[in-house]
Amino acid sequence: MPELPEVETTVRGLARYLEGERIAQVAVNRPDLRRPFPPGLVQALTGARVTGMGRRAKYGLIHTDRAQTMVFHLGMSGRWRIEPETPDRHDHLVIGTASGRVLALNDARRFGSVDLVDTALLAAWPPFAVMGPEPLGDALTPRHLHAAFAGRIAPVKPLLLDQRIVAGLGNIYVCEALHRAHIRPDKEAGRISRPALERLVPAIRAVLGESIEAGGSTIRDYAQPNGELGYFAASWRVYGREGEICSCGGTVERMLQGGRSTFWCRKCQK
């Protein structure tokens, strides 16, 4: 599944083609993805001008001058194709701009989603209303994590994946951040020290920032809107490296937590 850096990369790529543009045509080529397309989507977008782009957690935001925002989620395999040379049977939503640009939301597995939300009500939209702070924003602090983890006996890694605690973190980047912060992924969250949390917050920001700059981590079907593949996977220190030598000289191990693979190093993560 595309994670936060992949969605951020997608939004930045789309912005170059959509910001300030007027939408001239909208085609919905099937009734639904993971759930039905909004019934008024075509009418709401046709003729609207795109006033800005944004991201909340793993959702992309396309704001319009009609005080409405199209919210998209890429699901497992979703991606935007910019000016595709030929149509594809998985191009389920196609947008044409007044300047002649064509952008297609392609989703072979159809686990993605598209919603239409009043821009002024975005913060109160149910999926957003329960989310914690953005990991790249100022609200994510060691103090916030200390309060969220207080008294918790659950392991730290699953709690970092809880969108109510931090919005948008996914499996790859939590593994990488915990490794950089030298924290065991199965350590009880409530027993993590303040100095460790002081290391964890900048580690989260660093690994996400580096991945965004690298265009994301390509997993299965993911690609940027221009078709290029992200290459942050080459910089993974532990994820997917079971049995390899860690930078500390230890060996990268794998464990299962909540049905997901966790990669870590017993020697440098305490």
C-alpha atoms as a PDB file:
ATOM      1  CA  MET A   1       0.000   0.000   0.000  1.00  0.00           C
ATOM      2  CA  PRO A   2       1.362   3.466  -0.850  1.00  0.00           C
ATOM      3  CA  GLU A   3       2.376   5.109   2.411  1.00  0.00           C
ATOM      4  CA  LEU A   4       2.622   8.765   3.412  1.00  0.00           C
ATOM      5  CA  PRO A   5       5.749   9.596   1.330  1.00  0.00           C
ATOM      6  CA  GLU A   6       4.212   8.011  -1.773  1.00  0.00           C
ATOM      7  CA  VAL A   7       1.008  10.013  -1.314  1.00  0.00           C
ATOM      8  CA  GLU A   8       2.979  13.219  -0.691  1.00  0.00           C
ATOM      9  CA  THR A   9       5.028  12.559  -3.822  1.00  0.00           C
ATOM     10  CA  THR A  10       1.825  11.941  -5.784  1.00  0.00           C
ATOM     11  CA  VAL A  11       0.232  15.176  -4.544  1.00  0.00           C
ATOM     12  CA  ARG A  12       3.333  17.189  -5.448  1.00  0.00           C
ATOM     13  CA  GLY A  13       3.382  15.633  -8.897  1.00  0.00           C
ATOM     14  CA  LEU A  14      -0.299  16.338  -9.512  1.00  0.00           C
ATOM     15  CA  ALA A  15       0.062  19.930  -8.311  1.00  0.00           C
ATOM     16  CA  ARG A  16       2.308  20.763 -11.272  1.00  0.00           C
ATOM     17  CA  TYR A  17      -0.515  19.829 -13.634  1.00  0.00           C
ATOM     18  CA  LEU A  18      -3.654  20.754 -11.698  1.00  0.00           C
ATOM     19  CA  GLU A  19      -3.092  23.812  -9.499  1.00  0.00           C
ATOM     20  CA  GLY A  20      -4.804  26.837 -11.008  1.00  0.00           C
ATOM     21  CA  GLU A  21      -6.333  24.764 -13.810  1.00  0.00           C
ATOM     22  CA  ARG A  22     -10.003  24.633 -14.670  1.00  0.00           C
ATOM     23  CA  ILE A  23     -11.472  21.160 -14.995  1.00  0.00           C
ATOM     24  CA  ALA A  24     -13.201  20.818 -18.352  1.00  0.00           C
ATOM     25  CA  GLN A  25     -14.210  17.157 -18.439  1.00  0.00           C
ATOM     26  CA  VAL A  26     -14.714  14.410 -15.876  1.00  0.00           C
ATOM     27  CA  ALA A  27     -15.383  10.779 -16.758  1.00  0.00           C
ATOM     28  CA  VAL A  28     -16.281   8.099 -14.227  1.00  0.00           C
ATOM     29  CA  ASN A  29     -15.780   4.747 -15.947  1.00  0.00           C
ATOM     30  CA  ARG A  30     -17.275   2.465 -13.293  1.00  0.00           C
ATOM     31  CA  PRO A  31     -19.675   2.993 -10.394  1.00  0.00           C
ATOM     32  CA  ASP A  32     -17.252   2.300  -7.572  1.00  0.00           C
ATOM     33  CA  LEU A  33     -13.805   1.566  -6.225  1.00  0.00           C
ATOM     34  CA  ARG A  34     -13.736   0.303  -2.633  1.00  0.00           C
ATOM     35  CA  ARG A  35     -17.035   2.172  -2.296  1.00  0.00           C
ATOM     36  CA  PRO A  36     -19.231   4.063  -4.798  1.00  0.00           C
ATOM     37  CA  PHE A  37     -18.031   7.297  -6.351  1.00  0.00           C
ATOM     38  CA  PRO A  38     -19.914  10.322  -4.930  1.00  0.00           C
ATOM     39  CA  PRO A  39     -23.132  10.741  -6.959  1.00  0.00           C
ATOM     40  CA  GLY A  40     -22.488  14.445  -7.629  1.00  0.00           C
ATOM     41  CA  LEU A  41     -18.788  14.138  -8.436  1.00  0.00           C
ATOM     42  CA  VAL A  42     -18.943  14.862 -12.171  1.00  0.00           C
ATOM     43  CA  GLN A  43     -21.224  17.873 -11.731  1.00  0.00           C
ATOM     44  CA  ALA A  44     -19.187  19.243  -8.815  1.00  0.00           C
ATOM     45  CA  LEU A  45     -15.853  19.053 -10.625  1.00  0.00           C
ATOM     46  CA  THR A  46     -16.796  20.009 -14.174  1.00  0.00           C
ATOM     47  CA  GLY A  47     -16.024  23.701 -14.628  1.00  0.00           C
ATOM     48  CA  ALA A  48     -14.388  24.024 -11.211  1.00  0.00           C
ATOM     49  CA  ARG A  49     -10.940  25.545 -10.789  1.00  0.00           C
ATOM     50  CA  VAL A  50      -8.349  23.738  -8.708  1.00  0.00           C
ATOM     51  CA  THR A  51      -7.254  26.180  -5.997  1.00  0.00           C
ATOM     52  CA  GLY A  52      -4.727  23.970  -4.250  1.00  0.00           C
ATOM     53  CA  MET A  53      -3.507  20.493  -3.388  1.00  0.00           C
ATOM     54  CA  GLY A  54      -2.894  18.905  -0.028  1.00  0.00           C
ATOM     55  CA  ARG A  55      -2.491  15.720   1.965  1.00  0.00           C
ATOM     56  CA  ARG A  56      -3.900  14.411   5.243  1.00  0.00           C
ATOM     57  CA  ALA A  57      -2.272  11.188   6.443  1.00  0.00           C
ATOM     58  CA  LYS A  58      -2.459   8.856   3.402  1.00  0.00           C
ATOM     59  CA  TYR A  59      -5.225  10.811   1.657  1.00  0.00           C
ATOM     60  CA  GLY A  60      -4.666  13.258  -1.205  1.00  0.00           C
ATOM     61  CA  LEU A  61      -6.717  16.470  -1.373  1.00  0.00           C
ATOM     62  CA  ILE A  62      -7.761  18.421  -4.478  1.00  0.00           C
ATOM     63  CA  HIS A  63      -9.344  21.729  -3.414  1.00  0.00           C
ATOM     64  CA  THR A  64     -11.649  23.633  -5.790  1.00  0.00           C
ATOM     65  CA  ASP A  65     -13.154  27.098  -6.007  1.00  0.00           C
ATOM     66  CA  ARG A  66     -16.588  25.607  -5.313  1.00  0.00           C
ATOM     67  CA  ALA A  67     -15.665  25.182  -1.638  1.00  0.00           C
ATOM     68  CA  GLN A  68     -15.469  21.435  -2.136  1.00  0.00           C
ATOM     69  CA  THR A  69     -12.490  19.105  -1.938  1.00  0.00           C
ATOM     70  CA  MET A  70     -12.040  15.817  -3.735  1.00  0.00           C
ATOM     71  CA  VAL A  71     -10.388  13.396  -1.310  1.00  0.00           C
ATOM     72  CA  PHE A  72      -8.665  10.366  -2.818  1.00  0.00           C
ATOM     73  CA  HIS A  73      -7.045   7.307  -1.286  1.00  0.00           C
ATOM     74  CA  LEU A  74      -4.783   5.118  -3.421  1.00  0.00           C
ATOM     75  CA  GLY A  75      -5.618   1.876  -1.635  1.00  0.00           C
ATOM     76  CA  MET A  76      -3.317  -1.024  -2.493  1.00  0.00           C
ATOM     77  CA  SER A  77      -2.437  -0.281  -6.100  1.00  0.00           C
ATOM     78  CA  GLY A  78      -3.871   3.106  -7.023  1.00  0.00           C
ATOM     79  CA  ARG A  79      -1.841   5.690  -8.942  1.00  0.00           C
ATOM     80  CA  TRP A  80      -2.445   8.729 -11.100  1.00  0.00           C
ATOM     81  CA  ARG A  81      -1.371   8.611 -14.748  1.00  0.00           C
ATOM     82  CA  ILE A  82      -0.568  11.969 -16.334  1.00  0.00           C
ATOM     83  CA  GLU A  83      -1.326  12.350 -20.038  1.00  0.00           C
ATOM     84  CA  PRO A  84      -1.410   8.601 -20.706  1.00  0.00           C
ATOM     85  CA  GLU A  85      -0.657   7.714 -24.303  1.00  0.00           C
ATOM     86  CA  THR A  86      -3.457   5.134 -24.407  1.00  0.00           C
ATOM     87  CA  PRO A  87      -6.470   4.477 -22.176  1.00  0.00           C
ATOM     88  CA  ASP A  88      -6.258   1.614 -19.696  1.00  0.00           C
ATOM     89  CA  ARG A  89      -9.142  -0.532 -18.491  1.00  0.00           C
ATOM     90  CA  HIS A  90      -8.192   0.365 -14.915  1.00  0.00           C
ATOM     91  CA  ASP A  91      -8.462   4.139 -15.512  1.00  0.00           C
ATOM     92  CA  HIS A  92     -11.595   4.508 -13.408  1.00  0.00           C
ATOM     93  CA  LEU A  93     -11.664   8.308 -13.089  1.00  0.00           C
ATOM     94  CA  VAL A  94     -10.357  10.564 -15.864  1.00  0.00           C
ATOM     95  CA  ILE A  95     -10.026  14.344 -15.541  1.00  0.00           C
ATOM     96  CA  GLY A  96      -9.357  16.697 -18.442  1.00  0.00           C
ATOM     97  CA  THR A  97      -8.305  20.320 -17.892  1.00  0.00           C
ATOM     98  CA  ALA A  98      -9.118  23.363 -19.994  1.00  0.00           C
ATOM     99  CA  SER A  99      -5.471  23.526 -21.082  1.00  0.00           C
ATOM    100  CA  GLY A 100      -5.645  20.016 -22.472  1.00  0.00           C
ATOM    101  CA  ARG A 101      -4.057  17.982 -19.675  1.00  0.00           C
ATOM    102  CA  VAL A 102      -5.470  14.518 -19.008  1.00  0.00           C
ATOM    103  CA  LEU A 103      -5.069  12.767 -15.649  1.00  0.00           C
ATOM    104  CA  ALA A 104      -6.343   9.259 -14.919  1.00  0.00           C
ATOM    105  CA  LEU A 105      -6.821   7.590 -11.551  1.00  0.00           C
ATOM    106  CA  ASN A 106      -5.774   4.005 -12.229  1.00  0.00           C
ATOM    107  CA  ASP A 107      -6.557   1.299  -9.663  1.00  0.00           C
ATOM    108  CA  ALA A 108      -6.330  -2.332 -10.755  1.00  0.00           C
ATOM    109  CA  ARG A 109      -7.388  -3.782  -7.405  1.00  0.00           C
ATOM    110  CA  ARG A 110      -9.991  -1.113  -6.664  1.00  0.00           C
ATOM    111  CA  PHE A 111      -9.132  -0.764  -2.966  1.00  0.00           C
ATOM    112  CA  GLY A 112      -8.849   3.011  -3.327  1.00  0.00           C
ATOM    113  CA  SER A 113     -11.592   5.564  -2.776  1.00  0.00           C
ATOM    114  CA  VAL A 114     -12.799   8.988  -3.897  1.00  0.00           C
ATOM    115  CA  ASP A 115     -14.935  11.293  -1.754  1.00  0.00           C
ATOM    116  CA  LEU A 116     -16.296  14.807  -2.099  1.00  0.00           C
ATOM    117  CA  VAL A 117     -16.223  16.889   1.100  1.00  0.00           C
ATOM    118  CA  ASP A 118     -17.090  20.502   1.879  1.00  0.00           C
ATOM    119  CA  THR A 119     -13.702  22.137   2.320  1.00  0.00           C
ATOM    120  CA  ALA A 120     -14.736  23.970   5.472  1.00  0.00           C
ATOM    121  CA  LEU A 121     -15.762  20.654   7.061  1.00  0.00           C
ATOM    122  CA  LEU A 122     -12.651  18.632   6.203  1.00  0.00           C
ATOM    123  CA  ALA A 123     -11.330  18.545   9.774  1.00  0.00           C
ATOM    124  CA  ALA A 124     -14.673  17.164  10.976  1.00  0.00           C
ATOM    125  CA  TRP A 125     -14.974  14.571   8.183  1.00  0.00           C
ATOM    126  CA  PRO A 126     -15.226  11.240  10.088  1.00  0.00           C
ATOM    127  CA  PRO A 127     -11.975   9.643   8.825  1.00  0.00           C
ATOM    128  CA  PHE A 128     -10.049  12.840   9.657  1.00  0.00           C
ATOM    129  CA  ALA A 129     -11.805  13.747  12.897  1.00  0.00           C
ATOM    130  CA  VAL A 130     -10.269  10.838  14.818  1.00  0.00           C
ATOM    131  CA  MET A 131      -6.731  11.190  13.455  1.00  0.00           C
ATOM    132  CA  GLY A 132      -3.725  12.188  15.491  1.00  0.00           C
ATOM    133  CA  PRO A 133      -1.166  14.807  14.449  1.00  0.00           C
ATOM    134  CA  GLU A 134       0.699  14.743  11.163  1.00  0.00           C
ATOM    135  CA  PRO A 135       4.161  13.218  11.638  1.00  0.00           C
ATOM    136  CA  LEU A 136       5.796  16.057   9.706  1.00  0.00           C
ATOM    137  CA  GLY A 137       3.916  18.765  11.601  1.00  0.00           C
ATOM    138  CA  ASP A 138       4.755  20.637  14.781  1.00  0.00           C
ATOM    139  CA  ALA A 139       2.068  18.842  16.808  1.00  0.00           C
ATOM    140  CA  LEU A 140       4.028  15.586  16.850  1.00  0.00           C
ATOM    141  CA  THR A 141       6.313  16.004  19.839  1.00  0.00           C
ATOM    142  CA  PRO A 142       7.948  13.733  22.436  1.00  0.00           C
ATOM    143  CA  ARG A 143       5.419  15.149  24.907  1.00  0.00           C
ATOM    144  CA  HIS A 144       2.509  14.034  22.689  1.00  0.00           C
ATOM    145  CA  LEU A 145       3.900  10.501  22.397  1.00  0.00           C
ATOM    146  CA  HIS A 146       4.642  10.346  26.123  1.00  0.00           C
ATOM    147  CA  ALA A 147       1.025  11.218  26.897  1.00  0.00           C
ATOM    148  CA  ALA A 148      -0.327   8.792  24.277  1.00  0.00           C
ATOM    149  CA  PHE A 149       1.851   5.934  25.564  1.00  0.00           C
ATOM    150  CA  ALA A 150       1.373   6.560  29.284  1.00  0.00           C
ATOM    151  CA  GLY A 151       0.348   3.369  31.054  1.00  0.00           C
ATOM    152  CA  ARG A 152       0.167   1.380  27.823  1.00  0.00           C
ATOM    153  CA  ILE A 153       1.525  -2.167  27.879  1.00  0.00           C
ATOM    154  CA  ALA A 154       1.008  -2.654  24.132  1.00  0.00           C
ATOM    155  CA  PRO A 155       4.183  -2.781  22.015  1.00  0.00           C
ATOM    156  CA  VAL A 156       5.308   0.543  20.612  1.00  0.00           C
ATOM    157  CA  LYS A 157       5.230  -0.413  16.948  1.00  0.00           C
ATOM    158  CA  PRO A 158       1.488  -1.231  16.685  1.00  0.00           C
ATOM    159  CA  LEU A 159       0.689   1.948  18.614  1.00  0.00           C
ATOM    160  CA  LEU A 160       2.681   4.042  16.125  1.00  0.00           C
ATOM    161  CA  LEU A 161       0.563   2.474  13.374  1.00  0.00           C
ATOM    162  CA  ASP A 162      -2.607   3.576  15.189  1.00  0.00           C
ATOM    163  CA  GLN A 163      -3.859   6.558  13.173  1.00  0.00           C
ATOM    164  CA  ARG A 164      -5.454   8.005  16.320  1.00  0.00           C
ATOM    165  CA  ILE A 165      -1.978   8.492  17.799  1.00  0.00           C
ATOM    166  CA  VAL A 166      -0.040   9.584  14.705  1.00  0.00           C
ATOM    167  CA  ALA A 167      -1.694  10.109  11.310  1.00  0.00           C
ATOM    168  CA  GLY A 168      -0.261   8.451   8.255  1.00  0.00           C
ATOM    169  CA  LEU A 169       2.546   6.265   9.577  1.00  0.00           C
ATOM    170  CA  GLY A 170       2.861   2.882   7.866  1.00  0.00           C
ATOM    171  CA  ASN A 171       4.740  -0.341   8.413  1.00  0.00           C
ATOM    172  CA  ILE A 172       7.905   0.425   6.455  1.00  0.00           C
ATOM    173  CA  TYR A 173       8.577   3.802   8.006  1.00  0.00           C
ATOM    174  CA  VAL A 174       7.779   2.770  11.571  1.00  0.00           C
ATOM    175  CA  CYS A 175      10.303  -0.080  11.268  1.00  0.00           C
ATOM    176  CA  GLU A 176      12.905   2.322   9.901  1.00  0.00           C
ATOM    177  CA  ALA A 177      12.237   5.070  12.484  1.00  0.00           C
ATOM    178  CA  LEU A 178      12.385   2.689  15.447  1.00  0.00           C
ATOM    179  CA  HIS A 179      15.705   1.357  14.154  1.00  0.00           C
ATOM    180  CA  ARG A 180      17.149   4.858  13.864  1.00  0.00           C
ATOM    181  CA  ALA A 181      15.934   5.686  17.363  1.00  0.00           C
ATOM    182  CA  HIS A 182      17.387   2.414  18.763  1.00  0.00           C
ATOM    183  CA  ILE A 183      14.041   1.292  20.213  1.00  0.00           C
ATOM    184  CA  ARG A 184      12.833  -2.317  20.245  1.00  0.00           C
ATOM    185  CA  PRO A 185       9.572  -2.569  18.256  1.00  0.00           C
ATOM    186  CA  ASP A 186       8.084  -4.929  20.860  1.00  0.00           C
ATOM    187  CA  LYS A 187       8.916  -2.792  23.884  1.00  0.00           C
ATOM    188  CA  GLU A 188       5.962  -1.776  26.057  1.00  0.00           C
ATOM    189  CA  ALA A 189       5.084   1.747  24.942  1.00  0.00           C
ATOM    190  CA  GLY A 190       4.515   2.967  28.484  1.00  0.00           C
ATOM    191  CA  ARG A 191       8.060   1.986  29.463  1.00  0.00           C
ATOM    192  CA  ILE A 192       9.830   4.004  26.764  1.00  0.00           C
ATOM    193  CA  SER A 193      11.926   6.763  28.305  1.00  0.00           C
ATOM    194  CA  ARG A 194      11.689  10.444  27.475  1.00  0.00           C
ATOM    195  CA  PRO A 195      15.233  10.423  25.983  1.00  0.00           C
ATOM    196  CA  ALA A 196      14.152   7.599  23.665  1.00  0.00           C
ATOM    197  CA  LEU A 197      11.093   9.579  22.591  1.00  0.00           C
ATOM    198  CA  GLU A 198      13.359  12.564  22.009  1.00  0.00           C
ATOM    199  CA  ARG A 199      15.212  10.368  19.504  1.00  0.00           C
ATOM    200  CA  LEU A 200      12.080   8.863  17.977  1.00  0.00           C
ATOM    201  CA  VAL A 201      10.329  12.043  16.819  1.00  0.00           C
ATOM    202  CA  PRO A 202      13.247  13.349  14.715  1.00  0.00           C
ATOM    203  CA  ALA A 203      13.836   9.804  13.429  1.00  0.00           C
ATOM    204  CA  ILE A 204      10.238   9.663  12.161  1.00  0.00           C
ATOM    205  CA  ARG A 205      10.598  13.022  10.457  1.00  0.00           C
ATOM    206  CA  ALA A 206      13.978  12.138   8.955  1.00  0.00           C
ATOM    207  CA  VAL A 207      12.937   8.838   7.425  1.00  0.00           C
ATOM    208  CA  LEU A 208       9.743  10.318   5.972  1.00  0.00           C
ATOM    209  CA  GLY A 209      11.558  13.386   4.639  1.00  0.00           C
ATOM    210  CA  GLU A 210      14.283  11.331   3.000  1.00  0.00           C
ATOM    211  CA  SER A 211      11.720   9.052   1.386  1.00  0.00           C
ATOM    212  CA  ILE A 212       9.742  11.998  -0.005  1.00  0.00           C
ATOM    213  CA  GLU A 213      12.910  13.423  -1.521  1.00  0.00           C
ATOM    214  CA  ALA A 214      13.661  10.022  -3.054  1.00  0.00           C
ATOM    215  CA  GLY A 215      10.178   9.746  -4.543  1.00  0.00           C
ATOM    216  CA  GLY A 216       8.890   7.129  -2.116  1.00  0.00           C
ATOM    217  CA  SER A 217       9.412   3.399  -1.735  1.00  0.00           C
ATOM    218  CA  THR A 218       8.171   1.306  -4.636  1.00  0.00           C
ATOM    219  CA  ILE A 219       6.098  -1.653  -3.452  1.00  0.00           C
ATOM    220  CA  ARG A 220       4.408  -3.824  -6.070  1.00  0.00           C
ATOM    221  CA  ASP A 221       2.371  -1.542  -8.316  1.00  0.00           C
ATOM    222  CA  TYR A 222       3.153   1.907  -6.963  1.00  0.00           C
ATOM    223  CA  ALA A 223       4.586   4.595  -9.244  1.00  0.00           C
ATOM    224  CA  GLN A 224       4.662   8.389  -9.214  1.00  0.00           C
ATOM    225  CA  PRO A 225       2.194  10.240 -11.459  1.00  0.00           C
ATOM    226  CA  ASN A 226       4.873  10.701 -14.140  1.00  0.00           C
ATOM    227  CA  GLY A 227       5.474   6.949 -14.185  1.00  0.00           C
ATOM    228  CA  GLU A 228       8.820   7.060 -12.381  1.00  0.00           C
ATOM    229  CA  LEU A 229       9.423   4.624  -9.540  1.00  0.00           C
ATOM    230  CA  GLY A 230      10.437   5.764  -6.072  1.00  0.00           C
ATOM    231  CA  TYR A 231      13.886   4.642  -5.012  1.00  0.00           C
ATOM    232  CA  PHE A 232      13.956   5.059  -1.216  1.00  0.00           C
ATOM    233  CA  ALA A 233      13.807   1.263  -0.927  1.00  0.00           C
ATOM    234  CA  ALA A 234      17.523   1.266  -1.692  1.00  0.00           C
ATOM    235  CA  SER A 235      18.048   3.182   1.575  1.00  0.00           C
ATOM    236  CA  TRP A 236      16.122   0.843   3.861  1.00  0.00           C
ATOM    237  CA  ARG A 237      18.290  -0.049   6.856  1.00  0.00           C
ATOM    238  CA  VAL A 238      16.193  -2.928   8.215  1.00  0.00           C
ATOM    239  CA  TYR A 239      12.908  -3.298   6.315  1.00  0.00           C
ATOM    240  CA  GLY A 240      12.991  -6.369   4.085  1.00  0.00           C
ATOM    241  CA  ARG A 241      16.585  -7.137   5.103  1.00  0.00           C
ATOM    242  CA  GLU A 242      16.093 -10.186   7.310  1.00  0.00           C
ATOM    243  CA  GLY A 243      19.365 -12.041   7.799  1.00  0.00           C
ATOM    244  CA  GLU A 244      21.521  -9.188   6.532  1.00  0.00           C
ATOM    245  CA  ILE A 245      24.122  -7.379   8.607  1.00  0.00           C
ATOM    246  CA  CYS A 246      22.957  -4.223  10.382  1.00  0.00           C
ATOM    247  CA  SER A 247      25.160  -1.122  10.330  1.00  0.00           C
ATOM    248  CA  CYS A 248      25.967  -1.834  14.006  1.00  0.00           C
ATOM    249  CA  GLY A 249      27.325  -5.273  13.173  1.00  0.00           C
ATOM    250  CA  GLY A 250      24.260  -7.153  14.379  1.00  0.00           C
ATOM    251  CA  THR A 251      21.855  -9.171  12.243  1.00  0.00           C
ATOM    252  CA  VAL A 252      18.492  -7.925  11.019  1.00  0.00           C
ATOM    253  CA  GLU A 253      15.654 -10.105  12.303  1.00  0.00           C
ATOM    254  CA  ARG A 254      11.961 -10.384  11.467  1.00  0.00           C
ATOM    255  CA  MET A 255       9.010 -10.878  13.810  1.00  0.00           C
ATOM    256  CA  LEU A 256       5.257 -10.776  13.291  1.00  0.00           C
ATOM    257  CA  GLN A 257       3.250  -8.097  15.083  1.00  0.00           C
ATOM    258  CA  GLY A 258      -0.461  -7.898  14.435  1.00  0.00           C
ATOM    259  CA  GLY A 259      -0.051  -9.958  11.280  1.00  0.00           C
ATOM    260  CA  ARG A 260       2.598  -7.616   9.856  1.00  0.00           C
ATOM    261  CA  SER A 261       6.300  -8.219   9.433  1.00  0.00           C
ATOM    262  CA  THR A 262       8.533  -6.182  11.700  1.00  0.00           C
ATOM    263  CA  PHE A 263      12.223  -5.896  10.853  1.00  0.00           C
ATOM    264  CA  TRP A 264      14.678  -4.911  13.573  1.00  0.00           C
ATOM    265  CA  CYS A 265      18.151  -5.465  15.061  1.00  0.00           C
ATOM    266  CA  ARG A 266      18.456  -7.044  18.498  1.00  0.00           C
ATOM    267  CA  LYS A 267      21.934  -5.582  19.003  1.00  0.00           C
ATOM    268  CA  CYS A 268      21.220  -1.862  18.561  1.00  0.00           C
ATOM    269  CA  GLN A 269      17.491  -1.658  19.377  1.00  0.00           C
ATOM    270  CA  LYS A 270      16.997  -1.951  23.131  1.00  0.00           C
END
